[in-house]
Amino acid sequence: MAFISVNNNESIESALRRFKRKVISEEIIKDLKKHSHFIPPGQKAKLKSANARKRNRRRFRQQRPMNAGSTGTGQRPSAPAAR
């Protein structure tokens, strides 16, 4: 539960702003949305793997430079020859 104490010379607007920040940092809203309806275990596993794929795709896209090593043909560059 988010709890803040309002100081003597503090306006309600600034206290409300602090309260909102605290609620966001403690992820109260996120947790409430997660528990708002029942998700079957199979559906939960599918959602978890889909989120993992999405996260990995984003991570891979950030690691790879945009035009480095590009051949311009739209195909993947070939692997180096084995020694």
N, C-alpha and C. Protein backbone atom coordinates (compact mmCIF):
# COMPACT_ATOMS: atom_id res chain seq x y z
N MET A 1 0.84 -1.18 0.00
CA MET A 1 0.00 0.00 0.00
C MET A 1 0.88 1.24 0.00
N ALA A 2 0.59 2.16 -0.87
CA ALA A 2 1.36 3.39 -0.97
C ALA A 2 0.88 4.36 0.12
N PHE A 3 1.83 4.90 0.85
CA PHE A 3 1.51 5.84 1.92
C PHE A 3 2.49 6.99 1.86
N ILE A 4 1.96 8.21 1.88
CA ILE A 4 2.82 9.39 1.94
C ILE A 4 2.31 10.28 3.06
N SER A 5 3.19 11.07 3.63
CA SER A 5 2.76 12.04 4.64
C SER A 5 2.86 13.43 4.02
N VAL A 6 1.80 14.20 4.19
CA VAL A 6 1.74 15.53 3.63
C VAL A 6 2.41 16.50 4.60
N ASN A 7 3.36 17.27 4.08
CA ASN A 7 4.07 18.24 4.90
C ASN A 7 3.19 19.46 5.16
N ASN A 8 3.58 20.28 6.14
CA ASN A 8 2.76 21.43 6.53
C ASN A 8 2.55 22.43 5.40
N ASN A 9 3.60 22.82 4.71
CA ASN A 9 3.50 23.84 3.68
C ASN A 9 3.40 23.26 2.28
N GLU A 10 2.95 22.02 2.16
CA GLU A 10 2.88 21.35 0.86
C GLU A 10 1.46 21.44 0.30
N SER A 11 1.36 21.73 -0.99
CA SER A 11 0.04 21.81 -1.61
C SER A 11 -0.48 20.40 -1.88
N ILE A 12 -1.78 20.32 -2.07
CA ILE A 12 -2.42 19.03 -2.35
C ILE A 12 -1.94 18.50 -3.69
N GLU A 13 -1.72 19.37 -4.67
CA GLU A 13 -1.28 18.94 -6.00
C GLU A 13 0.08 18.25 -5.94
N SER A 14 1.01 18.83 -5.17
CA SER A 14 2.34 18.21 -5.10
C SER A 14 2.28 16.90 -4.30
N ALA A 15 1.43 16.84 -3.28
CA ALA A 15 1.28 15.60 -2.52
C ALA A 15 0.67 14.51 -3.40
N LEU A 16 -0.31 14.89 -4.22
CA LEU A 16 -0.93 13.94 -5.14
C LEU A 16 0.08 13.45 -6.17
N ARG A 17 0.94 14.36 -6.66
CA ARG A 17 1.98 13.99 -7.60
C ARG A 17 2.94 12.97 -6.99
N ARG A 18 3.33 13.21 -5.72
CA ARG A 18 4.22 12.27 -5.02
C ARG A 18 3.54 10.92 -4.83
N PHE A 19 2.25 10.96 -4.51
CA PHE A 19 1.49 9.71 -4.33
C PHE A 19 1.44 8.91 -5.62
N LYS A 20 1.18 9.58 -6.73
CA LYS A 20 1.12 8.89 -8.03
C LYS A 20 2.46 8.26 -8.38
N ARG A 21 3.56 8.99 -8.13
CA ARG A 21 4.89 8.44 -8.40
C ARG A 21 5.14 7.21 -7.55
N LYS A 22 4.71 7.25 -6.30
CA LYS A 22 4.92 6.11 -5.40
C LYS A 22 4.11 4.90 -5.85
N VAL A 23 2.88 5.14 -6.29
CA VAL A 23 2.03 4.05 -6.78
C VAL A 23 2.67 3.40 -8.00
N ILE A 24 3.21 4.22 -8.90
CA ILE A 24 3.86 3.69 -10.10
C ILE A 24 5.12 2.91 -9.72
N SER A 25 5.91 3.43 -8.80
CA SER A 25 7.16 2.76 -8.43
C SER A 25 6.91 1.44 -7.72
N GLU A 26 5.81 1.35 -6.97
CA GLU A 26 5.50 0.09 -6.27
C GLU A 26 4.71 -0.87 -7.16
N GLU A 27 4.41 -0.46 -8.38
CA GLU A 27 3.70 -1.28 -9.38
C GLU A 27 2.37 -1.80 -8.87
N ILE A 28 1.63 -0.97 -8.16
CA ILE A 28 0.33 -1.37 -7.63
C ILE A 28 -0.68 -1.54 -8.75
N ILE A 29 -0.71 -0.61 -9.70
CA ILE A 29 -1.66 -0.66 -10.81
C ILE A 29 -1.38 -1.87 -11.70
N LYS A 30 -0.11 -2.13 -11.96
CA LYS A 30 0.29 -3.27 -12.80
C LYS A 30 -0.18 -4.57 -12.16
N ASP A 31 0.01 -4.69 -10.85
CA ASP A 31 -0.40 -5.89 -10.13
C ASP A 31 -1.92 -6.04 -10.14
N LEU A 32 -2.63 -4.94 -9.99
CA LEU A 32 -4.09 -4.96 -10.00
C LEU A 32 -4.60 -5.44 -11.34
N LYS A 33 -4.01 -4.94 -12.43
CA LYS A 33 -4.44 -5.36 -13.76
C LYS A 33 -4.13 -6.84 -14.00
N LYS A 34 -3.00 -7.30 -13.45
CA LYS A 34 -2.62 -8.70 -13.64
C LYS A 34 -3.60 -9.64 -12.95
N HIS A 35 -4.12 -9.24 -11.80
CA HIS A 35 -5.03 -10.09 -11.05
C HIS A 35 -6.50 -9.78 -11.31
N SER A 36 -6.79 -8.94 -12.29
CA SER A 36 -8.17 -8.54 -12.50
C SER A 36 -9.03 -9.64 -13.14
N HIS A 37 -8.43 -10.57 -13.85
CA HIS A 37 -9.20 -11.67 -14.44
C HIS A 37 -8.34 -12.93 -14.48
N PHE A 38 -9.01 -14.07 -14.57
CA PHE A 38 -8.31 -15.36 -14.53
C PHE A 38 -7.78 -15.70 -15.91
N ILE A 39 -6.51 -16.14 -15.96
CA ILE A 39 -5.89 -16.61 -17.19
C ILE A 39 -5.53 -18.07 -16.97
N PRO A 40 -6.02 -18.98 -17.82
CA PRO A 40 -5.69 -20.39 -17.67
C PRO A 40 -4.19 -20.62 -17.79
N PRO A 41 -3.67 -21.66 -17.14
CA PRO A 41 -2.22 -21.90 -17.16
C PRO A 41 -1.63 -22.04 -18.56
N GLY A 42 -2.34 -22.69 -19.47
CA GLY A 42 -1.84 -22.84 -20.84
C GLY A 42 -1.73 -21.51 -21.55
N GLN A 43 -2.73 -20.66 -21.34
CA GLN A 43 -2.71 -19.34 -21.96
C GLN A 43 -1.61 -18.47 -21.35
N LYS A 44 -1.37 -18.65 -20.05
CA LYS A 44 -0.33 -17.90 -19.36
C LYS A 44 1.04 -18.27 -19.92
N ALA A 45 1.26 -19.57 -20.20
CA ALA A 45 2.53 -20.03 -20.76
C ALA A 45 2.73 -19.46 -22.17
N LYS A 46 1.66 -19.45 -22.97
CA LYS A 46 1.76 -18.89 -24.32
C LYS A 46 2.11 -17.40 -24.27
N LEU A 47 1.48 -16.69 -23.35
CA LEU A 47 1.74 -15.27 -23.21
C LEU A 47 3.17 -15.01 -22.76
N LYS A 48 3.66 -15.86 -21.85
CA LYS A 48 5.04 -15.71 -21.36
C LYS A 48 6.04 -15.94 -22.48
N SER A 49 5.82 -16.97 -23.30
CA SER A 49 6.77 -17.24 -24.39
C SER A 49 6.68 -16.17 -25.47
N ALA A 50 5.48 -15.64 -25.71
CA ALA A 50 5.34 -14.57 -26.70
C ALA A 50 6.08 -13.32 -26.23
N ASN A 51 5.97 -13.00 -24.95
CA ASN A 51 6.69 -11.85 -24.41
C ASN A 51 8.19 -12.05 -24.48
N ALA A 52 8.66 -13.28 -24.24
CA ALA A 52 10.09 -13.58 -24.32
C ALA A 52 10.59 -13.42 -25.75
N ARG A 53 9.81 -13.90 -26.74
CA ARG A 53 10.20 -13.73 -28.15
C ARG A 53 10.29 -12.25 -28.51
N LYS A 54 9.31 -11.49 -28.05
CA LYS A 54 9.28 -10.05 -28.34
C LYS A 54 10.49 -9.36 -27.70
N ARG A 55 10.80 -9.73 -26.47
CA ARG A 55 11.94 -9.14 -25.75
C ARG A 55 13.25 -9.48 -26.46
N ASN A 56 13.41 -10.74 -26.87
CA ASN A 56 14.63 -11.16 -27.56
C ASN A 56 14.77 -10.49 -28.92
N ARG A 57 13.65 -10.32 -29.62
CA ARG A 57 13.70 -9.65 -30.92
C ARG A 57 14.17 -8.21 -30.75
N ARG A 58 13.64 -7.52 -29.72
CA ARG A 58 14.07 -6.15 -29.46
C ARG A 58 15.54 -6.09 -29.10
N ARG A 59 15.99 -7.03 -28.26
CA ARG A 59 17.39 -7.06 -27.83
C ARG A 59 18.30 -7.31 -29.02
N PHE A 60 17.93 -8.24 -29.90
CA PHE A 60 18.74 -8.55 -31.07
C PHE A 60 18.80 -7.36 -32.01
N ARG A 61 17.68 -6.65 -32.19
CA ARG A 61 17.63 -5.51 -33.08
C ARG A 61 18.53 -4.39 -32.57
N GLN A 62 18.62 -4.20 -31.25
CA GLN A 62 19.45 -3.16 -30.69
C GLN A 62 20.94 -3.49 -30.82
N GLN A 63 21.30 -4.76 -30.73
CA GLN A 63 22.70 -5.15 -30.79
C GLN A 63 23.26 -5.04 -32.19
N ARG A 64 22.47 -5.37 -33.20
CA ARG A 64 22.95 -5.37 -34.57
C ARG A 64 22.98 -3.96 -35.14
N PRO A 65 24.12 -3.49 -35.64
CA PRO A 65 24.18 -2.17 -36.27
C PRO A 65 23.31 -2.13 -37.52
N MET A 66 22.85 -0.96 -37.88
CA MET A 66 21.90 -0.85 -38.98
C MET A 66 22.50 -1.26 -40.33
N ASN A 67 23.63 -0.69 -40.76
CA ASN A 67 24.16 -0.96 -42.09
C ASN A 67 25.50 -1.67 -42.07
N ALA A 68 25.95 -2.13 -40.93
CA ALA A 68 27.26 -2.78 -40.85
C ALA A 68 27.19 -4.16 -41.49
N GLY A 69 28.10 -4.44 -42.40
CA GLY A 69 28.20 -5.76 -43.01
C GLY A 69 27.11 -6.04 -44.02
N SER A 70 26.39 -5.05 -44.45
CA SER A 70 25.31 -5.28 -45.38
C SER A 70 25.87 -5.41 -46.79
N THR A 71 25.34 -6.37 -47.55
CA THR A 71 25.81 -6.60 -48.91
C THR A 71 24.99 -5.81 -49.92
N GLY A 72 23.83 -5.31 -49.50
CA GLY A 72 23.00 -4.54 -50.40
C GLY A 72 22.08 -5.41 -51.23
N THR A 73 22.16 -6.74 -51.11
CA THR A 73 21.32 -7.62 -51.91
C THR A 73 20.04 -7.99 -51.17
N GLY A 74 19.94 -7.66 -49.90
CA GLY A 74 18.77 -8.01 -49.14
C GLY A 74 18.85 -9.41 -48.56
N GLN A 75 19.99 -10.07 -48.77
CA GLN A 75 20.18 -11.41 -48.24
C GLN A 75 21.18 -11.36 -47.12
N ARG A 76 21.20 -12.41 -46.33
CA ARG A 76 22.18 -12.49 -45.26
C ARG A 76 23.57 -12.67 -45.83
N PRO A 77 24.58 -12.07 -45.18
CA PRO A 77 25.95 -12.28 -45.66
C PRO A 77 26.35 -13.74 -45.44
N SER A 78 27.17 -14.26 -46.35
CA SER A 78 27.58 -15.66 -46.24
C SER A 78 28.57 -15.83 -45.10
N ALA A 79 28.64 -17.05 -44.58
CA ALA A 79 29.54 -17.35 -43.46
C ALA A 79 30.98 -17.38 -43.98
N PRO A 80 31.96 -17.02 -43.14
CA PRO A 80 33.35 -17.06 -43.57
C PRO A 80 33.79 -18.50 -43.85
N ALA A 81 34.74 -18.66 -44.76
CA ALA A 81 35.20 -19.99 -45.14
C ALA A 81 35.94 -20.66 -43.98
N ALA A 82 35.74 -21.98 -43.83
CA ALA A 82 36.42 -22.72 -42.78
C ALA A 82 37.89 -22.91 -43.12
N ARG A 83 38.73 -22.92 -42.13
CA ARG A 83 40.17 -23.10 -42.38
C ARG A 83 40.57 -24.52 -42.34
